[in-house]
C-alpha atoms as a PDB file:
ATOM      1  CA  MET A   1      55.285 109.209 247.376  1.00  0.00           C
ATOM      2  CA  GLN A   2      51.967 110.307 246.406  1.00  0.00           C
ATOM      3  CA  ALA A   3      51.518 111.016 250.231  1.00  0.00           C
ATOM      4  CA  ARG A   4      54.382 113.414 250.349  1.00  0.00           C
ATOM      5  CA  LEU A   5      53.037 115.023 247.164  1.00  0.00           C
ATOM      6  CA  SER A   6      49.939 115.713 248.578  1.00  0.00           C
ATOM      7  CA  GLN A   7      51.296 117.004 251.977  1.00  0.00           C
ATOM      8  CA  ASP A   8      53.649 119.723 249.660  1.00  0.00           C
ATOM      9  CA  LEU A   9      50.208 120.554 247.974  1.00  0.00           C
ATOM     10  CA  ALA A  10      48.732 121.027 251.563  1.00  0.00           C
ATOM     11  CA  ARG A  11      51.469 123.562 252.298  1.00  0.00           C
ATOM     12  CA  GLU A  12      51.466 125.410 249.241  1.00  0.00           C
ATOM     13  CA  GLN A  13      47.172 125.723 249.704  1.00  0.00           C
ATOM     14  CA  ILE A  14      48.052 127.277 253.224  1.00  0.00           C
ATOM     15  CA  ARG A  15      50.283 130.132 251.742  1.00  0.00           C
ATOM     16  CA  GLN A  16      47.589 130.784 249.102  1.00  0.00           C
ATOM     17  CA  ALA A  17      44.466 131.110 251.743  1.00  0.00           C
ATOM     18  CA  GLN A  18      46.870 133.596 253.571  1.00  0.00           C
ATOM     19  CA  ASP A  19      47.444 135.548 250.747  1.00  0.00           C
ATOM     20  CA  GLY A  20      43.749 136.596 251.229  1.00  0.00           C
ATOM     21  CA  HIS A  21      45.060 139.132 253.701  1.00  0.00           C
ATOM     22  CA  LEU A  22      47.672 140.853 251.506  1.00  0.00           C
ATOM     23  CA  PRO A  23      46.763 144.212 249.568  1.00  0.00           C
ATOM     24  CA  THR A  24      46.904 143.619 245.798  1.00  0.00           C
ATOM     25  CA  LEU A  25      47.939 146.175 243.116  1.00  0.00           C
ATOM     26  CA  ASN A  26      47.053 145.623 239.442  1.00  0.00           C
ATOM     27  CA  LEU A  27      48.685 147.538 236.469  1.00  0.00           C
ATOM     28  CA  THR A  28      45.914 148.281 234.016  1.00  0.00           C
ATOM     29  CA  ALA A  29      46.638 149.593 230.276  1.00  0.00           C
ATOM     30  CA  SER A  30      44.365 150.283 227.356  1.00  0.00           C
ATOM     31  CA  THR A  31      44.693 152.085 223.877  1.00  0.00           C
ATOM     32  CA  GLY A  32      42.010 153.304 221.621  1.00  0.00           C
ATOM     33  CA  ILE A  33      41.639 155.068 217.986  1.00  0.00           C
ATOM     34  CA  SER A  34      39.255 157.263 216.572  1.00  0.00           C
ATOM     35  CA  ASP A  35      38.845 157.857 212.677  1.00  0.00           C
ATOM     36  CA  THR A  36      36.378 160.495 211.678  1.00  0.00           C
ATOM     37  CA  SER A  37      35.882 161.686 208.073  1.00  0.00           C
ATOM     38  CA  TYR A  38      32.891 163.525 206.117  1.00  0.00           C
ATOM     39  CA  SER A  39      30.802 161.669 203.508  1.00  0.00           C
ATOM     40  CA  GLY A  40      28.275 164.187 203.294  1.00  0.00           C
ATOM     41  CA  SER A  41      27.496 166.913 199.936  1.00  0.00           C
ATOM     42  CA  LYS A  42      30.545 168.389 198.375  1.00  0.00           C
ATOM     43  CA  THR A  43      28.849 171.208 198.851  1.00  0.00           C
ATOM     44  CA  ASN A  44      29.088 171.444 202.616  1.00  0.00           C
ATOM     45  CA  SER A  45      32.566 169.715 203.043  1.00  0.00           C
ATOM     46  CA  ALA A  46      34.345 172.987 203.914  1.00  0.00           C
ATOM     47  CA  GLN A  47      32.210 173.054 207.078  1.00  0.00           C
ATOM     48  CA  TYR A  48      33.916 169.545 208.210  1.00  0.00           C
ATOM     49  CA  ASP A  49      37.369 168.563 208.709  1.00  0.00           C
ATOM     50  CA  ASP A  50      38.610 164.622 208.915  1.00  0.00           C
ATOM     51  CA  SER A  51      40.008 163.839 212.043  1.00  0.00           C
ATOM     52  CA  ASN A  52      42.313 160.856 212.960  1.00  0.00           C
ATOM     53  CA  MET A  53      42.790 160.737 216.851  1.00  0.00           C
ATOM     54  CA  GLY A  54      44.490 158.158 219.233  1.00  0.00           C
ATOM     55  CA  GLN A  55      43.942 157.860 223.142  1.00  0.00           C
ATOM     56  CA  ASN A  56      46.284 155.666 225.419  1.00  0.00           C
ATOM     57  CA  LYS A  57      45.776 155.036 229.151  1.00  0.00           C
ATOM     58  CA  ILE A  58      47.869 153.500 231.727  1.00  0.00           C
ATOM     59  CA  GLY A  59      46.673 153.122 235.502  1.00  0.00           C
ATOM     60  CA  LEU A  60      47.187 151.541 238.868  1.00  0.00           C
ATOM     61  CA  ASN A  61      44.335 149.505 240.808  1.00  0.00           C
ATOM     62  CA  PHE A  62      44.973 148.690 244.453  1.00  0.00           C
ATOM     63  CA  SER A  63      43.017 146.646 246.715  1.00  0.00           C
ATOM     64  CA  LEU A  64      43.225 146.588 250.025  1.00  0.00           C
ATOM     65  CA  PRO A  65      40.827 144.083 251.870  1.00  0.00           C
ATOM     66  CA  LEU A  66      39.782 145.443 255.169  1.00  0.00           C
ATOM     67  CA  TYR A  67      36.624 142.968 255.955  1.00  0.00           C
ATOM     68  CA  GLN A  68      35.461 139.958 254.195  1.00  0.00           C
ATOM     69  CA  GLY A  69      33.248 138.107 256.964  1.00  0.00           C
ATOM     70  CA  GLY A  70      35.719 136.081 257.793  1.00  0.00           C
ATOM     71  CA  MET A  71      35.922 134.117 254.870  1.00  0.00           C
ATOM     72  CA  VAL A  72      40.001 134.434 254.495  1.00  0.00           C
ATOM     73  CA  ASN A  73      40.421 133.010 258.085  1.00  0.00           C
ATOM     74  CA  SER A  74      37.968 130.370 257.426  1.00  0.00           C
ATOM     75  CA  GLN A  75      40.004 129.250 254.209  1.00  0.00           C
ATOM     76  CA  VAL A  76      43.647 129.498 255.917  1.00  0.00           C
ATOM     77  CA  LYS A  77      42.349 127.075 258.516  1.00  0.00           C
ATOM     78  CA  GLN A  78      40.442 124.831 256.275  1.00  0.00           C
ATOM     79  CA  ALA A  79      44.003 124.796 254.418  1.00  0.00           C
ATOM     80  CA  GLN A  80      45.864 124.038 258.035  1.00  0.00           C
ATOM     81  CA  TYR A  81      43.444 121.114 258.597  1.00  0.00           C
ATOM     82  CA  ASN A  82      43.791 119.731 255.093  1.00  0.00           C
ATOM     83  CA  PHE A  83      47.727 119.943 255.905  1.00  0.00           C
ATOM     84  CA  VAL A  84      47.419 118.315 259.115  1.00  0.00           C
ATOM     85  CA  GLY A  85      45.341 115.375 257.074  1.00  0.00           C
ATOM     86  CA  ALA A  86      47.950 114.917 254.630  1.00  0.00           C
ATOM     87  CA  SER A  87      50.889 114.606 257.323  1.00  0.00           C
ATOM     88  CA  GLU A  88      48.774 111.909 259.124  1.00  0.00           C
ATOM     89  CA  GLN A  89      48.276 109.764 255.828  1.00  0.00           C
ATOM     90  CA  LEU A  90      52.260 110.477 255.060  1.00  0.00           C
ATOM     91  CA  GLU A  91      52.750 108.998 258.593  1.00  0.00           C
ATOM     92  CA  SER A  92      50.529 106.329 258.287  1.00  0.00           C
ATOM     93  CA  ALA A  93      52.225 105.459 254.916  1.00  0.00           C
ATOM     94  CA  HIS A  94      55.541 105.256 256.547  1.00  0.00           C
ATOM     95  CA  ARG A  95      54.293 103.200 259.073  1.00  0.00           C
ATOM     96  CA  SER A  96      52.722 100.835 256.930  1.00  0.00           C
ATOM     97  CA  VAL A  97      55.963 100.739 254.529  1.00  0.00           C
ATOM     98  CA  VAL A  98      57.999  99.638 257.763  1.00  0.00           C
ATOM     99  CA  GLN A  99      55.742  97.141 258.711  1.00  0.00           C
ATOM    100  CA  THR A 100      55.439  95.810 255.422  1.00  0.00           C
ATOM    101  CA  VAL A 101      59.478  95.821 255.228  1.00  0.00           C
ATOM    102  CA  ARG A 102      59.535  93.972 258.713  1.00  0.00           C
ATOM    103  CA  SER A 103      57.160  91.606 258.344  1.00  0.00           C
ATOM    104  CA  SER A 104      58.608  90.395 254.863  1.00  0.00           C
ATOM    105  CA  PHE A 105      61.813  90.014 256.235  1.00  0.00           C
ATOM    106  CA  ASN A 106      60.938  88.029 259.279  1.00  0.00           C
ATOM    107  CA  ASN A 107      58.570  85.904 257.036  1.00  0.00           C
ATOM    108  CA  ILE A 108      61.790  85.583 254.335  1.00  0.00           C
ATOM    109  CA  ASN A 109      63.721  83.910 257.615  1.00  0.00           C
ATOM    110  CA  ALA A 110      60.802  81.872 258.551  1.00  0.00           C
ATOM    111  CA  SER A 111      60.831  80.742 255.039  1.00  0.00           C
ATOM    112  CA  ILE A 112      64.325  79.661 255.006  1.00  0.00           C
ATOM    113  CA  SER A 113      63.916  77.365 258.128  1.00  0.00           C
ATOM    114  CA  SER A 114      61.000  76.009 256.518  1.00  0.00           C
ATOM    115  CA  ILE A 115      62.563  75.192 253.151  1.00  0.00           C
ATOM    116  CA  ASN A 116      65.632  73.384 255.266  1.00  0.00           C
ATOM    117  CA  ALA A 117      62.570  71.369 257.215  1.00  0.00           C
ATOM    118  CA  TYR A 118      60.647  70.670 254.416  1.00  0.00           C
ATOM    119  CA  LYS A 119      63.806  69.237 252.414  1.00  0.00           C
ATOM    120  CA  GLN A 120      64.444  66.832 255.491  1.00  0.00           C
ATOM    121  CA  ALA A 121      60.941  66.094 255.271  1.00  0.00           C
ATOM    122  CA  VAL A 122      61.293  65.167 251.649  1.00  0.00           C
ATOM    123  CA  VAL A 123      64.509  62.798 251.804  1.00  0.00           C
ATOM    124  CA  SER A 124      62.553  60.851 254.997  1.00  0.00           C
ATOM    125  CA  ALA A 125      59.498  60.753 252.804  1.00  0.00           C
ATOM    126  CA  GLN A 126      61.529  59.051 250.245  1.00  0.00           C
ATOM    127  CA  SER A 127      63.403  56.929 252.470  1.00  0.00           C
ATOM    128  CA  SER A 128      60.161  55.793 254.133  1.00  0.00           C
ATOM    129  CA  LEU A 129      58.727  55.171 250.466  1.00  0.00           C
ATOM    130  CA  ASP A 130      61.849  53.159 249.328  1.00  0.00           C
ATOM    131  CA  ALA A 131      61.402  50.563 252.220  1.00  0.00           C
ATOM    132  CA  MET A 132      57.638  50.336 251.782  1.00  0.00           C
ATOM    133  CA  GLU A 133      58.498  49.447 247.965  1.00  0.00           C
ATOM    134  CA  ALA A 134      61.102  46.830 249.467  1.00  0.00           C
ATOM    135  CA  GLY A 135      58.703  45.389 251.641  1.00  0.00           C
ATOM    136  CA  TYR A 136      56.210  45.400 248.801  1.00  0.00           C
ATOM    137  CA  SER A 137      58.416  43.306 246.881  1.00  0.00           C
ATOM    138  CA  VAL A 138      59.035  40.703 249.514  1.00  0.00           C
ATOM    139  CA  GLY A 139      55.072  40.456 250.590  1.00  0.00           C
ATOM    140  CA  THR A 140      55.646  42.354 253.966  1.00  0.00           C
ATOM    141  CA  ARG A 141      54.031  45.166 252.863  1.00  0.00           C
ATOM    142  CA  THR A 142      50.554  45.857 250.970  1.00  0.00           C
ATOM    143  CA  ILE A 143      50.028  48.323 247.979  1.00  0.00           C
ATOM    144  CA  VAL A 144      47.841  50.211 250.273  1.00  0.00           C
ATOM    145  CA  ASP A 145      51.466  50.942 252.491  1.00  0.00           C
ATOM    146  CA  VAL A 146      52.741  52.008 249.048  1.00  0.00           C
ATOM    147  CA  LEU A 147      50.405  54.434 248.138  1.00  0.00           C
ATOM    148  CA  ASP A 148      50.236  55.641 251.680  1.00  0.00           C
ATOM    149  CA  ALA A 149      54.235  56.118 251.785  1.00  0.00           C
ATOM    150  CA  THR A 150      53.567  58.144 247.958  1.00  0.00           C
ATOM    151  CA  THR A 151      51.435  60.309 249.237  1.00  0.00           C
ATOM    152  CA  THR A 152      53.097  61.511 252.054  1.00  0.00           C
ATOM    153  CA  LEU A 153      56.192  61.829 249.868  1.00  0.00           C
ATOM    154  CA  TYR A 154      54.112  64.201 247.392  1.00  0.00           C
ATOM    155  CA  ASP A 155      52.435  66.516 250.449  1.00  0.00           C
ATOM    156  CA  ALA A 156      55.787  66.955 251.603  1.00  0.00           C
ATOM    157  CA  LYS A 157      57.194  68.152 248.145  1.00  0.00           C
ATOM    158  CA  GLN A 158      54.128  70.381 247.673  1.00  0.00           C
ATOM    159  CA  GLN A 159      54.908  71.972 251.202  1.00  0.00           C
ATOM    160  CA  LEU A 160      58.575  72.410 249.995  1.00  0.00           C
ATOM    161  CA  ALA A 161      57.558  74.336 246.967  1.00  0.00           C
ATOM    162  CA  ASN A 162      54.837  76.700 248.952  1.00  0.00           C
ATOM    163  CA  ALA A 163      57.676  77.241 251.472  1.00  0.00           C
ATOM    164  CA  ARG A 164      59.711  78.495 248.234  1.00  0.00           C
ATOM    165  CA  TYR A 165      56.572  80.360 246.508  1.00  0.00           C
ATOM    166  CA  THR A 166      56.389  81.960 249.882  1.00  0.00           C
ATOM    167  CA  TYR A 167      60.142  83.074 250.219  1.00  0.00           C
ATOM    168  CA  LEU A 168      59.971  84.606 246.740  1.00  0.00           C
ATOM    169  CA  ILE A 169      57.002  86.622 247.445  1.00  0.00           C
ATOM    170  CA  ASN A 170      58.235  88.137 250.370  1.00  0.00           C
ATOM    171  CA  GLN A 171      61.169  89.253 248.722  1.00  0.00           C
ATOM    172  CA  LEU A 172      59.078  91.167 246.238  1.00  0.00           C
ATOM    173  CA  ASN A 173      56.987  92.589 248.696  1.00  0.00           C
ATOM    174  CA  ILE A 174      60.145  94.068 250.382  1.00  0.00           C
ATOM    175  CA  LYS A 175      61.193  95.794 246.911  1.00  0.00           C
ATOM    176  CA  TYR A 176      57.306  96.783 246.439  1.00  0.00           C
ATOM    177  CA  ALA A 177      57.546  98.464 249.683  1.00  0.00           C
ATOM    178  CA  LEU A 178      60.828  99.882 249.407  1.00  0.00           C
ATOM    179  CA  GLY A 179      59.705 101.252 245.702  1.00  0.00           C
ATOM    180  CA  THR A 180      62.516  99.253 243.997  1.00  0.00           C
ATOM    181  CA  LEU A 181      60.429  96.472 242.302  1.00  0.00           C
ATOM    182  CA  ASN A 182      60.901  96.663 238.421  1.00  0.00           C
ATOM    183  CA  GLU A 183      60.380  94.430 235.238  1.00  0.00           C
ATOM    184  CA  GLN A 184      63.975  92.723 235.716  1.00  0.00           C
ATOM    185  CA  ASP A 185      63.044  91.244 239.096  1.00  0.00           C
ATOM    186  CA  LEU A 186      59.547  89.946 237.568  1.00  0.00           C
ATOM    187  CA  LEU A 187      61.836  88.595 234.928  1.00  0.00           C
ATOM    188  CA  ALA A 188      64.280  87.272 237.468  1.00  0.00           C
ATOM    189  CA  LEU A 189      61.489  85.560 239.419  1.00  0.00           C
ATOM    190  CA  ASN A 190      60.053  84.052 236.320  1.00  0.00           C
ATOM    191  CA  SER A 191      63.428  82.173 235.205  1.00  0.00           C
ATOM    192  CA  THR A 192      63.631  80.994 238.948  1.00  0.00           C
ATOM    193  CA  LEU A 193      60.262  79.363 238.952  1.00  0.00           C
ATOM    194  CA  GLY A 194      61.969  76.881 235.970  1.00  0.00           C
ATOM    195  CA  LYS A 195      59.843  74.419 233.990  1.00  0.00           C
ATOM    196  CA  PRO A 196      56.158  73.814 235.160  1.00  0.00           C
ATOM    197  CA  ILE A 197      55.887  70.201 236.286  1.00  0.00           C
ATOM    198  CA  PRO A 198      53.097  68.148 234.719  1.00  0.00           C
ATOM    199  CA  THR A 199      50.199  67.052 237.560  1.00  0.00           C
ATOM    200  CA  SER A 200      47.911  65.017 235.007  1.00  0.00           C
ATOM    201  CA  PRO A 201      47.027  61.457 236.222  1.00  0.00           C
ATOM    202  CA  GLU A 202      48.953  59.695 233.721  1.00  0.00           C
ATOM    203  CA  SER A 203      51.948  61.819 234.298  1.00  0.00           C
ATOM    204  CA  VAL A 204      51.760  61.257 238.162  1.00  0.00           C
ATOM    205  CA  ALA A 205      50.382  57.539 238.532  1.00  0.00           C
ATOM    206  CA  PRO A 206      51.207  55.923 235.067  1.00  0.00           C
ATOM    207  CA  GLU A 207      49.373  52.769 234.306  1.00  0.00           C
ATOM    208  CA  THR A 208      51.456  49.319 233.564  1.00  0.00           C
ATOM    209  CA  PRO A 209      50.550  45.798 232.875  1.00  0.00           C
ATOM    210  CA  GLU A 210      51.108  45.023 236.321  1.00  0.00           C
ATOM    211  CA  GLN A 211      48.891  47.065 237.497  1.00  0.00           C
ATOM    212  CA  ASP A 212      45.976  46.059 235.563  1.00  0.00           C
ATOM    213  CA  ALA A 213      46.722  42.355 236.110  1.00  0.00           C
ATOM    214  CA  ALA A 214      46.791  43.139 239.750  1.00  0.00           C
ATOM    215  CA  ALA A 215      43.584  44.843 239.518  1.00  0.00           C
ATOM    216  CA  ASP A 216      41.717  41.838 237.564  1.00  0.00           C
ATOM    217  CA  GLY A 217      43.158  39.394 240.252  1.00  0.00           C
ATOM    218  CA  TYR A 218      45.126  37.163 237.481  1.00  0.00           C
ATOM    219  CA  ASN A 219      41.651  35.858 236.433  1.00  0.00           C
ATOM    220  CA  ALA A 220      41.760  33.008 233.641  1.00  0.00           C
ATOM    221  CA  HIS A 221      41.715  35.636 231.006  1.00  0.00           C
ATOM    222  CA  SER A 222      44.988  37.013 231.554  1.00  0.00           C
ATOM    223  CA  ALA A 223      48.090  34.868 232.770  1.00  0.00           C
ATOM    224  CA  ALA A 224      49.836  35.951 235.722  1.00  0.00           C
ATOM    225  CA  PRO A 225      53.053  37.335 235.317  1.00  0.00           C
ATOM    226  CA  ALA A 226      56.090  35.433 235.801  1.00  0.00           C
ATOM    227  CA  VAL A 227      57.695  35.368 239.172  1.00  0.00           C
ATOM    228  CA  GLN A 228      60.673  37.339 239.194  1.00  0.00           C
ATOM    229  CA  PRO A 229      63.844  37.135 241.924  1.00  0.00           C
ATOM    230  CA  THR A 230      63.688  39.355 244.518  1.00  0.00           C
ATOM    231  CA  ALA A 231      66.756  41.196 243.281  1.00  0.00           C
ATOM    232  CA  ALA A 232      65.039  41.696 239.571  1.00  0.00           C
ATOM    233  CA  ARG A 233      61.957  42.902 241.356  1.00  0.00           C
ATOM    234  CA  ALA A 234      63.731  45.511 243.459  1.00  0.00           C
ATOM    235  CA  ASN A 235      65.387  46.667 239.962  1.00  0.00           C
ATOM    236  CA  SER A 236      62.299  47.257 238.252  1.00  0.00           C
ATOM    237  CA  ASN A 237      61.094  49.894 240.814  1.00  0.00           C
ATOM    238  CA  ASN A 238      60.029  47.117 242.806  1.00  0.00           C
ATOM    239  CA  GLY A 239      56.359  47.105 241.271  1.00  0.00           C
ATOM    240  CA  ASN A 240      55.233  50.662 242.450  1.00  0.00           C
ATOM    241  CA  PRO A 241      52.974  51.943 239.756  1.00  0.00           C
ATOM    242  CA  PHE A 242      53.404  55.478 241.181  1.00  0.00           C
ATOM    243  CA  ARG A 243      57.045  56.005 240.878  1.00  0.00           C
ATOM    244  CA  HIS A 244      58.144  57.781 237.905  1.00  0.00           C
END
């Protein structure tokens, strides 16, 4: 819009500069009142008469520019150059908008594919974590294996969140380029984001008595927990302190 207005202004400046070649006709008008009264001695008052005169004038002023040293031609050329520059800026703005819309549209399609792929990655990582927890409960896997699987799961969830964020941002970029972005779009985006997810260490990896006992190595000051059957341990999050 700004580039379009700049082009229209430059076009009007060309017309204004071209008017310097045209003759001008000015209308002038004036009026005046003269009031004369005698204020001398009464002896000589008969020799002087009071007068009150009014005068009105009207005229026309015609001006024809014959030669001004090329000033008018220079002003016209300068205005024409300004119009060419404004037109180039308008074309550049148009191409930028088209490029932004196309790029954002392609990014939206790519984001949709990424979202679907990362959803499958989250499902796969969750299955891997479940398998590691089951192996840890029977002693075939270590806590390091469980931690690695947990890290992989959270990485997949983060990548999925980033893909969704990119999808939403590209939608806003298209509306911004088209000039249709408004407050309602931002409110809709805010409602789409949902509730904030806590990322504190206590919420991501809460400490448990079993974890403290494992860290202490079941020393003499702390009794080792009773051995539970495999099925019972599997029903209590398989001893994974990082699942919540």
